[in-house]
């Protein structure tokens, strides 16, 4: 289980190298099992994918039930799991800490925005501190949403917010959004914890490793790509093409049965 201290220690160690950690983000049990089966050493969840699969928007508290349900169902995954918790689904640091303490996870993401706007950095730092104190050994990834939202997206503000979260006990800092190579290099040089960015079209993984990035998340990319792939297969059948090769029924059933045990 991901609550195993060995999973938590292993997940922390993945951020120390020697290679860069590519963290794929799953949206259900089947996608998580497939990623683990392909050899990825850890799996994250994606708030957009989880919420969309449940038919609710990603913003606000609507995705909380599906997020917590998936976290519980991934408890037996053979690799560490980190859970995307949005803003913690509460403005009360104690409530966020209690929520995280009940999760079977090796790590969590906590973002410093609510409803599409930046939150007070002092409040977010208080959430980080409460979680770090409540769950020793958990990898607390503090997300800085300045660049993601395009709100106060200068490097000085981003660094100031990130430093507050590190001082509060964050294990790592996640800065999503399109970043120039120079900006990434400053973040990794200035912050004393692993820096996490999103996979994107601008910088391949070897370049991000050169820039000092320790973790690259796929975010909602895999979920969106899966939707596109499914529609493409259906369109091909409609247009007269033969069925696309895919993972067998037996293999999906085998993974699911093993996980259920």
Protein backbone atom coordinates (compact mmCIF):
# COMPACT_ATOMS: atom_id res chain seq x y z
CA UNK A 1 0.00 0.00 0.00
CA UNK A 2 1.10 3.58 -0.62
CA UNK A 3 0.79 4.30 3.10
CA UNK A 4 3.74 1.95 3.60
CA UNK A 5 6.68 4.06 4.79
CA UNK A 6 8.83 2.24 2.25
CA UNK A 7 6.65 3.63 -0.54
CA UNK A 8 6.97 7.11 0.89
CA UNK A 9 10.73 6.76 1.20
CA UNK A 10 10.95 5.32 -2.31
CA UNK A 11 8.91 8.18 -3.72
CA UNK A 12 11.17 10.75 -2.06
CA UNK A 13 14.23 8.94 -3.38
CA UNK A 14 12.89 9.14 -6.95
CA UNK A 15 13.26 12.92 -6.74
CA UNK A 16 16.94 12.60 -5.87
CA UNK A 17 17.97 10.91 -9.08
CA UNK A 18 20.10 9.79 -10.64
CA UNK A 19 17.59 10.32 -13.45
CA UNK A 20 14.74 12.76 -13.81
CA UNK A 21 11.38 11.44 -12.55
CA UNK A 22 8.70 11.36 -15.25
CA UNK A 23 5.44 11.10 -13.32
CA UNK A 24 2.47 9.92 -15.42
CA UNK A 25 -0.95 10.99 -14.17
CA UNK A 26 -3.83 8.48 -14.14
CA UNK A 27 -7.55 9.18 -13.99
CA UNK A 28 -8.87 5.76 -12.90
CA UNK A 29 -7.70 2.37 -11.67
CA UNK A 30 -7.27 0.90 -15.15
CA UNK A 31 -5.02 3.72 -16.35
CA UNK A 32 -2.96 3.57 -13.14
CA UNK A 33 -2.53 -0.19 -13.47
CA UNK A 34 -1.49 0.16 -17.11
CA UNK A 35 1.15 2.77 -16.26
CA UNK A 36 2.50 0.71 -13.38
CA UNK A 37 2.60 -2.39 -15.61
CA UNK A 38 4.66 -0.46 -18.16
CA UNK A 39 7.36 0.11 -15.57
CA UNK A 40 6.75 3.63 -14.33
CA UNK A 41 8.11 3.75 -10.76
CA UNK A 42 5.33 6.01 -9.44
CA UNK A 43 1.93 7.25 -10.55
CA UNK A 44 0.06 10.47 -9.87
CA UNK A 45 -3.59 11.35 -10.32
CA UNK A 46 -4.92 14.20 -12.46
CA UNK A 47 -7.67 16.35 -11.01
CA UNK A 48 -9.09 17.22 -14.44
CA UNK A 49 -9.14 13.61 -15.59
CA UNK A 50 -10.70 12.35 -12.36
CA UNK A 51 -13.33 15.09 -12.31
CA UNK A 52 -14.17 14.83 -16.02
CA UNK A 53 -14.47 11.04 -15.81
CA UNK A 54 -16.99 11.58 -12.99
CA UNK A 55 -18.88 14.17 -15.04
CA UNK A 56 -18.08 17.17 -12.82
CA UNK A 57 -15.95 20.30 -13.42
CA UNK A 58 -12.36 20.40 -12.25
CA UNK A 59 -12.77 23.71 -10.44
CA UNK A 60 -14.34 23.88 -7.00
CA UNK A 61 -15.24 21.11 -4.56
CA UNK A 62 -17.26 18.96 -6.99
CA UNK A 63 -14.31 16.69 -7.73
CA UNK A 64 -13.59 15.88 -4.10
CA UNK A 65 -15.66 12.64 -3.83
CA UNK A 66 -14.19 11.16 -7.01
CA UNK A 67 -10.66 12.20 -5.99
CA UNK A 68 -10.89 10.57 -2.57
CA UNK A 69 -12.58 7.46 -3.97
CA UNK A 70 -9.82 6.95 -6.54
CA UNK A 71 -7.12 7.51 -3.94
CA UNK A 72 -8.67 4.77 -1.81
CA UNK A 73 -8.95 2.38 -4.76
CA UNK A 74 -5.30 2.93 -5.72
CA UNK A 75 -4.09 1.97 -2.25
CA UNK A 76 -2.91 -1.44 -3.44
CA UNK A 77 -0.98 -0.20 -6.45
CA UNK A 78 2.51 -1.78 -6.49
CA UNK A 79 4.17 1.64 -6.91
CA UNK A 80 3.90 4.85 -4.89
CA UNK A 81 0.90 7.05 -5.62
CA UNK A 82 0.68 10.82 -5.28
CA UNK A 83 -2.75 12.45 -5.27
CA UNK A 84 -3.69 15.74 -6.91
CA UNK A 85 -5.80 17.43 -4.23
CA UNK A 86 -6.38 20.79 -5.94
CA UNK A 87 -6.39 23.36 -3.11
CA UNK A 88 -7.14 20.72 -0.49
CA UNK A 89 -10.89 21.31 -0.87
CA UNK A 90 -10.92 23.63 2.12
CA UNK A 91 -9.66 27.01 3.30
CA UNK A 92 -9.02 25.56 6.76
CA UNK A 93 -5.46 24.19 7.12
CA UNK A 94 -6.55 21.79 9.87
CA UNK A 95 -9.28 20.33 7.63
CA UNK A 96 -6.81 19.92 4.77
CA UNK A 97 -4.33 18.18 7.07
CA UNK A 98 -7.03 15.81 8.37
CA UNK A 99 -8.07 15.01 4.80
CA UNK A 100 -4.50 14.24 3.75
CA UNK A 101 -3.79 12.20 6.87
CA UNK A 102 -6.62 9.84 5.89
CA UNK A 103 -5.27 9.27 2.37
CA UNK A 104 -3.35 6.11 1.43
CA UNK A 105 -0.74 8.07 -0.53
CA UNK A 106 2.99 8.63 -0.78
CA UNK A 107 2.52 12.26 -1.80
CA UNK A 108 0.03 15.01 -2.54
CA UNK A 109 -0.15 18.09 -4.75
CA UNK A 110 -1.62 21.22 -3.17
CA UNK A 111 -2.16 24.23 -5.43
CA UNK A 112 -2.15 27.85 -4.29
CA UNK A 113 -5.20 28.91 -6.26
CA UNK A 114 -8.93 28.57 -5.74
CA UNK A 115 -11.63 29.11 -8.34
CA UNK A 116 -9.11 30.20 -10.95
CA UNK A 117 -7.50 32.91 -8.79
CA UNK A 118 -4.36 32.95 -6.71
CA UNK A 119 -4.93 32.38 -3.01
CA UNK A 120 -3.19 34.23 -0.22
CA UNK A 121 0.31 32.71 0.02
CA UNK A 122 0.17 32.86 3.81
CA UNK A 123 -2.92 30.67 3.81
CA UNK A 124 -1.35 28.19 1.44
CA UNK A 125 1.81 28.08 3.52
CA UNK A 126 -0.35 27.31 6.56
CA UNK A 127 -1.94 24.40 4.67
CA UNK A 128 1.49 23.06 3.70
CA UNK A 129 2.73 23.36 7.27
CA UNK A 130 -0.34 21.61 8.69
CA UNK A 131 -0.04 18.73 6.24
CA UNK A 132 3.71 18.33 6.74
CA UNK A 133 3.23 18.22 10.51
CA UNK A 134 0.29 15.80 10.35
CA UNK A 135 1.87 13.29 7.94
CA UNK A 136 5.64 13.00 8.40
CA UNK A 137 7.36 11.40 5.42
CA UNK A 138 4.65 12.40 2.94
CA UNK A 139 5.97 14.20 -0.15
CA UNK A 140 4.11 17.53 -0.12
CA UNK A 141 4.36 19.11 -3.57
CA UNK A 142 3.39 22.78 -3.29
CA UNK A 143 2.05 24.07 -6.58
CA UNK A 144 2.62 27.73 -7.50
CA UNK A 145 -0.05 28.79 -10.02
CA UNK A 146 1.26 32.20 -11.06
CA UNK A 147 2.41 31.09 -14.51
CA UNK A 148 -0.47 28.65 -14.95
CA UNK A 149 -3.08 31.36 -14.39
CA UNK A 150 -1.09 34.23 -15.89
CA UNK A 151 -1.65 36.12 -12.64
CA UNK A 152 1.40 37.88 -11.17
CA UNK A 153 3.42 35.56 -13.36
CA UNK A 154 6.78 37.31 -12.89
CA UNK A 155 9.69 35.25 -11.63
CA UNK A 156 10.13 37.29 -8.45
CA UNK A 157 6.55 36.64 -7.30
CA UNK A 158 6.76 32.97 -8.23
CA UNK A 159 9.96 32.55 -6.26
CA UNK A 160 8.61 34.45 -3.27
CA UNK A 161 5.55 32.24 -3.06
CA UNK A 162 7.62 29.09 -3.57
CA UNK A 163 10.06 30.07 -0.82
CA UNK A 164 7.18 30.59 1.62
CA UNK A 165 5.96 27.06 0.95
CA UNK A 166 9.44 25.57 1.29
CA UNK A 167 9.86 27.36 4.62
CA UNK A 168 6.50 25.89 5.69
CA UNK A 169 7.72 22.35 5.00
CA UNK A 170 7.03 21.63 1.33
CA UNK A 171 9.02 18.68 -0.01
CA UNK A 172 8.95 20.03 -3.56
CA UNK A 173 7.63 22.91 -5.65
CA UNK A 174 5.50 22.51 -8.78
CA UNK A 175 5.36 25.41 -11.25
CA UNK A 176 3.02 24.50 -14.13
CA UNK A 177 2.70 26.65 -17.22
CA UNK A 178 4.90 27.50 -20.19
CA UNK A 179 8.28 28.53 -18.84
CA UNK A 180 11.36 29.73 -20.69
CA UNK A 181 14.55 27.76 -20.16
CA UNK A 182 16.08 30.68 -18.29
CA UNK A 183 13.13 30.85 -15.90
CA UNK A 184 13.37 27.14 -15.18
CA UNK A 185 17.10 27.43 -14.54
CA UNK A 186 16.54 30.23 -12.01
CA UNK A 187 13.83 28.25 -10.19
CA UNK A 188 15.99 25.15 -9.86
CA UNK A 189 19.02 27.18 -8.78
CA UNK A 190 17.16 29.27 -6.20
CA UNK A 191 14.93 26.64 -4.60
CA UNK A 192 16.46 24.07 -2.22
CA UNK A 193 13.84 21.40 -2.99
CA UNK A 194 13.04 19.39 -6.15
CA UNK A 195 11.35 21.48 -8.83
CA UNK A 196 8.47 19.95 -10.80
CA UNK A 197 7.22 21.20 -14.19
CA UNK A 198 4.64 20.00 -16.68
CA UNK A 199 5.56 18.02 -19.77
CA UNK A 200 5.01 20.23 -22.79
CA UNK A 201 6.08 21.07 -26.32
CA UNK A 202 8.92 23.46 -25.45
CA UNK A 203 11.52 21.40 -23.60
CA UNK A 204 12.23 17.65 -23.99
CA UNK A 205 13.07 15.68 -20.86
CA UNK A 206 16.86 15.64 -21.43
CA UNK A 207 16.85 19.45 -21.64
CA UNK A 208 14.73 19.77 -18.50
CA UNK A 209 17.20 17.52 -16.69
CA UNK A 210 20.04 19.79 -17.82
CA UNK A 211 18.11 22.76 -16.40
CA UNK A 212 17.94 21.09 -13.00
CA UNK A 213 14.33 19.88 -13.02
CA UNK A 214 13.83 16.80 -10.85
CA UNK A 215 10.24 15.87 -11.71
CA UNK A 216 8.12 16.22 -14.84
CA UNK A 217 4.38 15.53 -14.59
CA UNK A 218 2.12 14.70 -17.51
CA UNK A 219 -0.84 16.38 -15.78
CA UNK A 220 -4.01 15.97 -17.81
CA UNK A 221 -2.10 15.22 -21.05
CA UNK A 222 -2.60 11.45 -20.97
CA UNK A 223 -6.31 11.78 -20.21
CA UNK A 224 -6.86 14.15 -23.14
CA UNK A 225 -4.74 11.98 -25.42
CA UNK A 226 -6.78 8.92 -24.42
CA UNK A 227 -9.99 10.73 -25.36
CA UNK A 228 -8.52 11.66 -28.72
CA UNK A 229 -7.28 8.12 -29.33
CA UNK A 230 -10.64 6.56 -28.46
CA UNK A 231 -12.50 8.90 -30.81
CA UNK A 232 -9.93 8.25 -33.55
CA UNK A 233 -10.47 4.48 -33.29
CA UNK A 234 -14.25 4.89 -33.39
CA UNK A 235 -13.96 7.26 -36.36
CA UNK A 236 -11.74 4.78 -38.18
CA UNK A 237 -14.28 2.00 -37.74
CA UNK A 238 -17.05 4.31 -38.91
CA UNK A 239 -14.97 5.16 -41.98
CA UNK A 240 -14.44 1.52 -42.89
CA UNK A 241 -11.02 0.81 -41.44
CA UNK A 242 -10.23 -2.31 -39.42
CA UNK A 243 -10.07 -2.39 -35.65
CA UNK A 244 -7.00 -0.82 -34.06
CA UNK A 245 -4.69 -3.18 -32.08
CA UNK A 246 -5.10 -2.71 -28.35
CA UNK A 247 -4.35 -4.30 -24.98
CA UNK A 248 -6.21 -7.59 -24.78
CA UNK A 249 -9.31 -8.23 -22.68
CA UNK A 250 -7.38 -10.96 -20.85
CA UNK A 251 -4.56 -8.61 -19.88
CA UNK A 252 -6.90 -5.90 -18.59
CA UNK A 253 -8.84 -8.52 -16.63
CA UNK A 254 -5.63 -10.01 -15.22
CA UNK A 255 -4.39 -6.64 -13.96
CA UNK A 256 -7.76 -5.75 -12.49
CA UNK A 257 -8.20 -9.12 -10.75
CA UNK A 258 -4.69 -8.97 -9.28
CA UNK A 259 -5.33 -5.44 -7.99
CA UNK A 260 -8.68 -6.45 -6.50
CA UNK A 261 -6.97 -9.22 -4.54
